[in-house]
Amino acid sequence: MRRRAFLAAAALPIASRRVLGAPRVEAGLERVVAEEGAPLRGRRVGLLGHAASVTADGRHAIDALRAVGVDVARLFGPEHGLRGRAAAGEKVKGGLDAQSGLRLVSLYGEKTKPTAADLRGLDVLVVDLQEAGVRFYTYASTMLLALGAAADSGLEVVVLDRPNPLGGERVEGPVRDPAVAESLVSMAPGPLVHGLTLGEMAMIANARRATPGRVRVVAMRGWSREMTWVDTGRPWVNPSPNLRSADAAMAYPGTCLLEATNASEGRGTEAPFLLVGAPWMDPEKVAREASTPGFALEPTTFTPTASAAASEPKLAGQRCRGLRVKVTDRAAARPWTLGLRLLVALRRHREFEWVRGGAWLDSLSGTKAVRAALERGERADAIAASEAPAIERWRRERGPSLLY
């Protein structure tokens, strides 16, 4: 279903310009560049971006905006840093961005949101982040914290929208339980797989504030909710060091759950989130038990090794018996169910253990109910089915804020 091209405090009049050979989907950044910087020209801009904040032809947002006369005056970086070089969980320092010469404020280190001093002197905060479509991917939380800080400072926020790699129709998993402490892996609204673009999320979050700020969205052109990444025609640019392909993004909401176990989720290999395993795992048995629509699970072996992207990968140097996850049908894929089935199957091994006694799964899922159900021996499908009423409520709630 098509929605308004823009939903914002004021619409942004950007004309459609198609280029022969261009991808099917035009991101918000490209629409601003096509309009010679409108509506940002003549304003001092703070830019919250990362390694995937690029045009389809590979120009970083800093360079693309400067080239059309936009005064990019200050930079803000999320987890992994502005240039996407830091490993998961690695604290990132601010300072000076060597490539642009601009002051860089890190929002994943000593602080997670901008201070009033960080925003002082700016006319607008621009957010251009490629998200993964799942709540525990921290960029959504960083945007929401920055949006709140900007609203408190009276600063307008402009979100340059980008595709949700999972599409806008796929909604899976639990809603966060307020009893679980809020953190950077749990702030996005709705179920775990929320089915929103970052622009839509910004509008929903702003509307829920007691005192809404000024938020605008430069919508994409050509994107529709049934599209997954491969349908957009856009090249994949790693938004973080270990999310290296559209297939990895599709599996990620499920295979990342193995972070909460003593099995490997594939960090330290050539295919993070598409390789799972452990020295003690029975791959053939797990493949049978975890079979899930949209995915093929093929027995394999791998040995995690340290790298810049994973300085201390789980089970480093140990030969793991495991599975290679292949995406076979993107429309049918149910990554959250895949993750649950993997956990059910892995728990049958006597060597299985939870990380932090299971508290990390609670943080990732946003609720203690999932781990409790697994430990009671409930089937993965029963756990997923129990989430259906909340998912349907979310679909109704989000409806008025959908842009596409």
Protein backbone atom coordinates (compact mmCIF):
# COMPACT_ATOMS: atom_id res chain seq x y z
CA MET A 1 0.00 0.00 0.00
CA ARG A 2 1.35 3.40 -1.01
CA ARG A 3 1.57 6.16 1.57
CA ARG A 4 2.47 9.82 1.54
CA ALA A 5 5.88 10.60 0.03
CA PHE A 6 6.63 12.76 3.07
CA LEU A 7 5.35 12.85 6.62
CA ALA A 8 6.82 15.71 8.60
CA ALA A 9 6.14 18.97 10.34
CA ALA A 10 6.48 20.48 6.88
CA ALA A 11 6.71 18.70 3.55
CA LEU A 12 9.97 18.83 1.66
CA PRO A 13 9.41 19.77 -2.01
CA ILE A 14 11.99 17.60 -3.76
CA ALA A 15 11.37 16.75 -7.37
CA SER A 16 11.77 13.29 -8.86
CA ARG A 17 14.86 12.93 -11.04
CA ARG A 18 15.68 9.55 -12.54
CA VAL A 19 19.05 8.63 -13.96
CA LEU A 20 19.51 5.88 -16.54
CA GLY A 21 20.88 2.82 -14.79
CA ALA A 22 20.08 4.13 -11.31
CA PRO A 23 18.79 1.70 -8.67
CA ARG A 24 15.05 1.25 -8.33
CA VAL A 25 15.06 2.94 -4.94
CA GLU A 26 16.38 6.46 -4.41
CA ALA A 27 17.44 7.16 -0.82
CA GLY A 28 16.71 10.39 1.03
CA LEU A 29 20.33 11.49 0.68
CA GLU A 30 20.16 11.21 -3.09
CA ARG A 31 16.96 13.23 -3.22
CA VAL A 32 18.61 16.06 -1.27
CA VAL A 33 21.65 15.96 -3.56
CA ALA A 34 19.40 16.00 -6.65
CA GLU A 35 17.80 19.21 -5.36
CA GLU A 36 21.18 20.90 -4.88
CA GLY A 37 20.99 20.57 -1.11
CA ALA A 38 17.42 21.68 -0.46
CA PRO A 39 16.22 21.97 2.30
CA LEU A 40 19.61 22.08 4.04
CA ARG A 41 21.47 24.82 2.18
CA GLY A 42 22.15 27.96 4.16
CA ARG A 43 21.99 26.06 7.47
CA ARG A 44 24.72 24.74 9.75
CA VAL A 45 24.28 20.98 9.69
CA GLY A 46 25.21 18.34 12.22
CA LEU A 47 25.34 14.95 10.53
CA LEU A 48 24.77 11.63 12.32
CA GLY A 49 26.09 9.03 9.92
CA HIS A 50 28.29 5.98 9.46
CA ALA A 51 30.06 3.90 6.82
CA ALA A 52 26.84 3.13 4.90
CA SER A 53 25.75 6.78 4.72
CA VAL A 54 26.53 6.83 1.02
CA THR A 55 24.91 7.50 -2.31
CA ALA A 56 24.28 4.59 -4.65
CA ASP A 57 27.46 5.53 -6.53
CA GLY A 58 29.51 5.35 -3.33
CA ARG A 59 29.94 8.97 -2.20
CA HIS A 60 29.76 9.49 1.55
CA ALA A 61 27.04 11.83 2.78
CA ILE A 62 29.67 14.30 4.01
CA ASP A 63 31.16 14.67 0.54
CA ALA A 64 27.86 14.46 -1.34
CA LEU A 65 26.24 17.19 0.77
CA ARG A 66 29.28 19.45 0.70
CA ALA A 67 29.45 19.11 -3.07
CA VAL A 68 26.00 20.74 -3.39
CA GLY A 69 26.80 23.55 -0.98
CA VAL A 70 25.49 22.14 2.30
CA ASP A 71 27.46 23.41 5.31
CA VAL A 72 28.24 20.18 7.16
CA ALA A 73 29.65 21.69 10.35
CA ARG A 74 29.81 18.79 12.83
CA LEU A 75 29.73 15.00 12.75
CA PHE A 76 28.19 12.42 15.08
CA GLY A 77 29.04 8.72 14.99
CA PRO A 78 27.16 5.66 16.35
CA GLU A 79 28.48 2.22 17.33
CA HIS A 80 31.36 1.13 15.07
CA GLY A 81 32.21 4.80 14.46
CA LEU A 82 31.63 7.21 11.60
CA ARG A 83 33.83 5.18 9.25
CA GLY A 84 32.60 1.77 10.45
CA ARG A 85 35.95 0.40 11.61
CA ALA A 86 35.30 -0.39 15.31
CA ALA A 87 34.28 -3.88 16.38
CA ALA A 88 30.96 -4.62 18.08
CA GLY A 89 30.88 -3.19 21.59
CA GLU A 90 34.19 -1.34 21.16
CA LYS A 91 34.02 2.14 22.65
CA VAL A 92 34.65 4.81 20.03
CA LYS A 93 36.46 8.07 20.67
CA GLY A 94 35.45 11.41 19.23
CA GLY A 95 37.82 14.16 18.15
CA LEU A 96 38.69 15.12 14.59
CA ASP A 97 37.61 13.17 11.54
CA ALA A 98 40.83 12.97 9.54
CA GLN A 99 39.14 12.64 6.15
CA SER A 100 36.84 15.67 6.44
CA GLY A 101 38.67 17.76 9.02
CA LEU A 102 35.43 18.15 10.98
CA ARG A 103 34.83 17.74 14.69
CA LEU A 104 33.45 14.29 15.43
CA VAL A 105 31.27 13.54 18.46
CA SER A 106 31.11 9.84 19.37
CA LEU A 107 27.76 8.55 20.59
CA TYR A 108 29.18 5.15 21.50
CA GLY A 109 31.78 5.69 24.15
CA GLU A 110 31.64 8.07 27.06
CA LYS A 111 28.08 9.02 26.10
CA THR A 112 25.25 7.71 23.96
CA LYS A 113 23.45 10.94 23.12
CA PRO A 114 24.52 14.47 22.22
CA THR A 115 24.77 17.08 24.94
CA ALA A 116 23.40 20.59 24.55
CA ALA A 117 26.99 21.74 24.01
CA ASP A 118 27.45 19.20 21.20
CA LEU A 119 24.43 20.66 19.39
CA ARG A 120 25.16 24.31 20.07
CA GLY A 121 25.63 26.44 16.97
CA LEU A 122 23.82 24.01 14.66
CA ASP A 123 20.64 24.83 12.76
CA VAL A 124 19.60 21.24 12.04
CA LEU A 125 20.61 17.69 12.93
CA VAL A 126 20.57 15.38 9.90
CA VAL A 127 20.31 11.62 10.45
CA ASP A 128 21.49 9.33 7.65
CA LEU A 129 21.87 5.80 9.01
CA GLN A 130 21.34 2.45 7.34
CA GLU A 131 19.37 0.36 9.81
CA ALA A 132 18.93 -3.44 9.96
CA GLY A 133 15.23 -3.64 10.80
CA VAL A 134 15.65 -5.33 14.19
CA ARG A 135 15.46 -3.69 17.61
CA PHE A 136 18.80 -4.89 18.97
CA TYR A 137 20.76 -3.27 16.13
CA THR A 138 21.88 -0.17 18.00
CA TYR A 139 21.56 2.52 15.32
CA ALA A 140 17.84 2.95 15.92
CA SER A 141 18.43 3.59 19.62
CA THR A 142 21.19 6.08 18.81
CA MET A 143 18.86 7.96 16.50
CA LEU A 144 16.08 8.01 19.10
CA LEU A 145 18.43 9.37 21.77
CA ALA A 146 19.73 12.01 19.37
CA LEU A 147 16.17 12.95 18.41
CA GLY A 148 15.29 13.48 22.07
CA ALA A 149 18.40 15.56 22.70
CA ALA A 150 17.66 17.72 19.66
CA ALA A 151 14.05 18.24 20.75
CA ASP A 152 15.23 19.30 24.21
CA SER A 153 17.55 21.84 22.56
CA GLY A 154 14.90 23.12 20.17
CA LEU A 155 16.85 21.81 17.16
CA GLU A 156 15.13 20.47 14.09
CA VAL A 157 15.91 16.91 12.97
CA VAL A 158 15.85 15.85 9.32
CA VAL A 159 15.98 12.10 8.66
CA LEU A 160 17.25 11.00 5.24
CA ASP A 161 15.35 7.76 4.87
CA ARG A 162 16.78 4.45 3.68
CA PRO A 163 15.34 0.97 3.03
CA ASN A 164 14.62 -1.51 5.78
CA PRO A 165 16.63 -4.53 4.51
CA LEU A 166 13.93 -6.89 5.81
CA GLY A 167 11.10 -5.00 4.14
CA GLY A 168 8.22 -3.19 5.75
CA GLU A 169 5.75 -6.06 6.02
CA ARG A 170 7.82 -8.53 8.03
CA VAL A 171 7.00 -8.09 11.75
CA GLU A 172 8.15 -10.74 14.24
CA GLY A 173 9.13 -11.27 17.83
CA PRO A 174 8.20 -9.84 21.21
CA VAL A 175 7.50 -6.28 22.29
CA ARG A 176 9.93 -5.10 24.95
CA ASP A 177 8.82 -5.71 28.51
CA PRO A 178 9.32 -2.55 30.64
CA ALA A 179 10.65 -4.85 33.38
CA VAL A 180 13.77 -5.43 31.27
CA ALA A 181 16.21 -2.56 31.63
CA GLU A 182 16.29 -0.25 28.63
CA SER A 183 19.57 -0.15 26.73
CA LEU A 184 20.95 0.54 23.26
CA VAL A 185 19.66 -2.87 22.12
CA SER A 186 16.07 -2.26 23.21
CA MET A 187 14.79 1.26 22.50
CA ALA A 188 13.08 0.85 19.13
CA PRO A 189 9.28 0.66 19.41
CA GLY A 190 7.17 -2.33 18.47
CA PRO A 191 8.08 -6.01 18.13
CA LEU A 192 11.70 -7.10 17.74
CA VAL A 193 11.42 -7.07 13.93
CA HIS A 194 9.45 -3.85 13.66
CA GLY A 195 8.87 -3.36 9.93
CA LEU A 196 9.71 0.36 9.95
CA THR A 197 12.15 2.55 8.11
CA LEU A 198 14.22 4.83 10.32
CA GLY A 199 12.20 7.82 9.10
CA GLU A 200 8.95 6.17 10.14
CA MET A 201 10.44 5.28 13.50
CA ALA A 202 11.47 8.89 14.04
CA MET A 203 7.95 10.12 13.35
CA ILE A 204 6.38 7.55 15.70
CA ALA A 205 8.85 8.29 18.49
CA ASN A 206 8.46 12.04 18.14
CA ALA A 207 4.67 11.81 18.24
CA ARG A 208 4.91 9.89 21.53
CA ARG A 209 6.97 12.58 23.25
CA ALA A 210 5.18 14.72 25.82
CA THR A 211 6.54 17.72 23.94
CA PRO A 212 7.24 16.70 20.34
CA GLY A 213 10.23 18.19 18.59
CA ARG A 214 10.52 19.29 14.98
CA VAL A 215 11.14 16.25 12.81
CA ARG A 216 11.11 15.99 9.03
CA VAL A 217 11.70 12.98 6.83
CA VAL A 218 13.10 13.06 3.32
CA ALA A 219 11.37 9.95 2.05
CA MET A 220 12.77 7.47 -0.43
CA ARG A 221 11.44 7.29 -3.94
CA GLY A 222 10.56 3.92 -5.41
CA TRP A 223 10.48 1.87 -2.19
CA SER A 224 7.44 -0.18 -1.22
CA ARG A 225 6.86 -2.24 1.90
CA GLU A 226 7.15 -5.66 0.29
CA MET A 227 10.69 -4.92 -0.89
CA THR A 228 13.64 -6.57 0.80
CA TRP A 229 17.14 -5.30 0.06
CA VAL A 230 17.70 -7.25 -3.15
CA ASP A 231 14.57 -5.68 -4.64
CA THR A 232 15.92 -2.13 -4.26
CA GLY A 233 18.68 -2.45 -6.85
CA ARG A 234 21.05 -0.72 -4.44
CA PRO A 235 24.57 -2.05 -3.76
CA TRP A 236 25.10 -3.45 -0.29
CA VAL A 237 27.44 -1.34 1.86
CA ASN A 238 28.30 -2.85 5.24
CA PRO A 239 26.51 -0.75 7.91
CA SER A 240 28.68 -2.48 10.51
CA PRO A 241 31.81 -4.64 10.15
CA ASN A 242 30.04 -7.97 10.60
CA LEU A 243 26.82 -7.36 8.65
CA ARG A 244 28.26 -8.03 5.23
CA SER A 245 25.41 -8.95 2.91
CA ALA A 246 21.68 -8.76 2.37
CA ASP A 247 21.47 -12.47 3.20
CA ALA A 248 23.26 -11.89 6.52
CA ALA A 249 20.79 -9.09 7.30
CA MET A 250 17.89 -11.45 6.61
CA ALA A 251 19.22 -14.11 8.97
CA TYR A 252 20.51 -11.67 11.60
CA PRO A 253 17.33 -11.29 13.75
CA GLY A 254 17.54 -15.03 14.40
CA THR A 255 21.19 -16.07 14.27
CA CYS A 256 22.29 -13.12 16.38
CA LEU A 257 20.43 -14.73 19.27
CA LEU A 258 23.33 -17.18 19.53
CA GLU A 259 25.30 -14.29 21.01
CA ALA A 260 23.45 -15.21 24.19
CA THR A 261 24.85 -18.75 24.17
CA ASN A 262 28.22 -20.50 24.23
CA ALA A 263 27.81 -21.34 20.51
CA SER A 264 29.26 -19.13 17.79
CA GLU A 265 27.12 -16.75 15.73
CA GLY A 266 29.88 -16.62 13.12
CA ARG A 267 31.92 -13.62 14.25
CA GLY A 268 35.54 -14.17 13.32
CA THR A 269 34.61 -16.00 10.09
CA GLU A 270 34.04 -14.91 6.49
CA ALA A 271 30.26 -15.03 6.98
CA PRO A 272 29.11 -13.68 10.36
CA PHE A 273 25.46 -14.54 11.13
CA LEU A 274 25.42 -17.02 8.25
CA LEU A 275 27.66 -19.50 10.08
CA VAL A 276 26.62 -20.93 13.45
CA GLY A 277 28.15 -23.71 15.45
CA ALA A 278 30.30 -25.02 18.29
CA PRO A 279 32.85 -27.81 18.80
CA TRP A 280 30.15 -29.85 20.56
CA MET A 281 27.29 -29.24 18.13
CA ASP A 282 25.57 -32.02 16.17
CA PRO A 283 24.99 -30.17 12.86
CA GLU A 284 22.77 -32.74 11.18
CA LYS A 285 20.46 -32.98 14.16
CA VAL A 286 20.24 -29.21 14.60
CA ALA A 287 19.60 -28.76 10.87
CA ARG A 288 16.61 -31.09 11.08
CA GLU A 289 15.18 -29.55 14.23
CA ALA A 290 15.75 -25.92 13.21
CA SER A 291 14.44 -26.19 9.64
CA THR A 292 12.56 -22.94 8.95
CA PRO A 293 10.74 -21.54 5.89
CA GLY A 294 12.93 -19.37 3.70
CA PHE A 295 16.26 -20.82 4.87
CA ALA A 296 18.46 -23.81 4.09
CA LEU A 297 20.81 -25.13 6.79
CA GLU A 298 23.87 -26.94 5.47
CA PRO A 299 26.34 -28.76 7.75
CA THR A 300 29.86 -27.37 7.63
CA THR A 301 32.91 -26.67 9.79
CA PHE A 302 34.69 -23.40 10.58
CA THR A 303 37.26 -21.95 12.95
CA PRO A 304 36.71 -18.40 14.27
CA THR A 305 39.83 -16.24 14.21
CA ALA A 306 40.51 -12.76 15.55
CA SER A 307 40.33 -9.83 13.13
CA ALA A 308 39.72 -6.10 13.14
CA ALA A 309 36.00 -6.80 12.86
CA ALA A 310 36.03 -9.30 15.75
CA SER A 311 39.03 -8.86 18.02
CA GLU A 312 37.95 -11.57 20.47
CA PRO A 313 35.47 -13.84 18.70
CA LYS A 314 33.78 -16.57 20.67
CA LEU A 315 35.52 -19.97 20.34
CA ALA A 316 38.55 -18.39 18.64
CA GLY A 317 40.94 -20.99 17.29
CA GLN A 318 38.52 -23.85 17.93
CA ARG A 319 37.22 -25.99 15.11
CA CYS A 320 33.44 -25.70 15.18
CA ARG A 321 30.95 -28.14 13.77
CA GLY A 322 28.07 -26.07 12.51
CA LEU A 323 25.69 -24.88 9.85
CA ARG A 324 25.86 -22.49 6.95
CA VAL A 325 22.59 -20.57 6.69
CA LYS A 326 21.40 -19.83 3.17
CA VAL A 327 18.44 -17.63 2.28
CA THR A 328 16.23 -19.51 -0.18
CA ASP A 329 12.99 -17.51 -0.15
CA ARG A 330 13.06 -13.94 1.16
CA ALA A 331 9.29 -13.54 1.11
CA ALA A 332 8.77 -16.66 3.23
CA ALA A 333 11.75 -16.17 5.56
CA ARG A 334 10.98 -16.09 9.28
CA PRO A 335 14.31 -15.16 10.91
CA TRP A 336 12.98 -14.83 14.46
CA THR A 337 11.47 -18.31 14.26
CA LEU A 338 14.78 -19.57 12.87
CA GLY A 339 16.54 -18.16 15.91
CA LEU A 340 14.08 -19.74 18.32
CA ARG A 341 14.36 -23.13 16.63
CA LEU A 342 18.16 -22.95 16.77
CA LEU A 343 18.00 -22.21 20.49
CA VAL A 344 15.60 -25.09 21.10
CA ALA A 345 17.87 -27.48 19.21
CA LEU A 346 21.08 -26.26 20.84
CA ARG A 347 19.62 -26.56 24.32
CA ARG A 348 19.32 -30.32 23.79
CA HIS A 349 23.14 -30.54 23.92
CA ARG A 350 24.50 -31.15 27.41
CA GLU A 351 27.36 -28.68 26.71
CA PHE A 352 24.96 -25.80 26.04
CA GLU A 353 25.18 -22.75 28.30
CA TRP A 354 23.62 -19.29 28.40
CA VAL A 355 25.87 -16.23 28.40
CA ARG A 356 25.47 -14.27 31.66
CA GLY A 357 23.06 -16.88 32.92
CA GLY A 358 20.57 -15.97 30.19
CA ALA A 359 20.47 -12.25 30.96
CA TRP A 360 21.90 -11.39 27.56
CA LEU A 361 19.06 -13.18 25.78
CA ASP A 362 16.63 -11.17 27.93
CA SER A 363 18.36 -7.97 26.78
CA LEU A 364 18.41 -8.98 23.12
CA SER A 365 14.79 -10.13 23.03
CA GLY A 366 13.57 -7.37 25.35
CA THR A 367 11.77 -9.77 27.65
CA LYS A 368 12.41 -12.56 30.16
CA ALA A 369 9.42 -14.46 28.81
CA VAL A 370 11.27 -15.96 25.83
CA ARG A 371 14.03 -17.53 27.93
CA ALA A 372 11.49 -18.73 30.50
CA ALA A 373 9.46 -20.41 27.75
CA LEU A 374 12.57 -22.06 26.31
CA GLU A 375 13.58 -23.35 29.72
CA ARG A 376 10.07 -24.78 30.23
CA GLY A 377 10.62 -26.76 27.06
CA GLU A 378 8.06 -24.91 24.91
CA ARG A 379 8.30 -25.30 21.15
CA ALA A 380 9.62 -22.43 19.05
CA ASP A 381 6.39 -22.17 17.08
CA ALA A 382 4.34 -21.89 20.27
CA ILE A 383 6.56 -19.06 21.49
CA ALA A 384 6.22 -17.25 18.16
CA ALA A 385 2.45 -17.80 18.10
CA SER A 386 2.07 -16.25 21.55
CA GLU A 387 3.40 -12.97 20.12
CA ALA A 388 0.72 -12.70 17.43
CA PRO A 389 -1.76 -10.47 19.34
CA ALA A 390 0.89 -7.87 20.16
CA ILE A 391 2.08 -7.92 16.55
CA GLU A 392 -1.43 -7.24 15.28
CA ARG A 393 -1.84 -4.37 17.73
CA TRP A 394 1.44 -2.93 16.51
CA ARG A 395 0.36 -3.12 12.88
CA ARG A 396 -2.72 -1.06 13.75
CA GLU A 397 -0.80 1.43 15.89
CA ARG A 398 1.90 2.13 13.34
CA GLY A 399 -0.53 2.57 10.44
CA PRO A 400 -0.98 6.37 10.61
CA SER A 401 2.79 6.94 10.62
CA LEU A 402 3.72 4.78 7.63
CA LEU A 403 5.26 6.74 4.76
CA TYR A 404 5.10 4.06 2.07
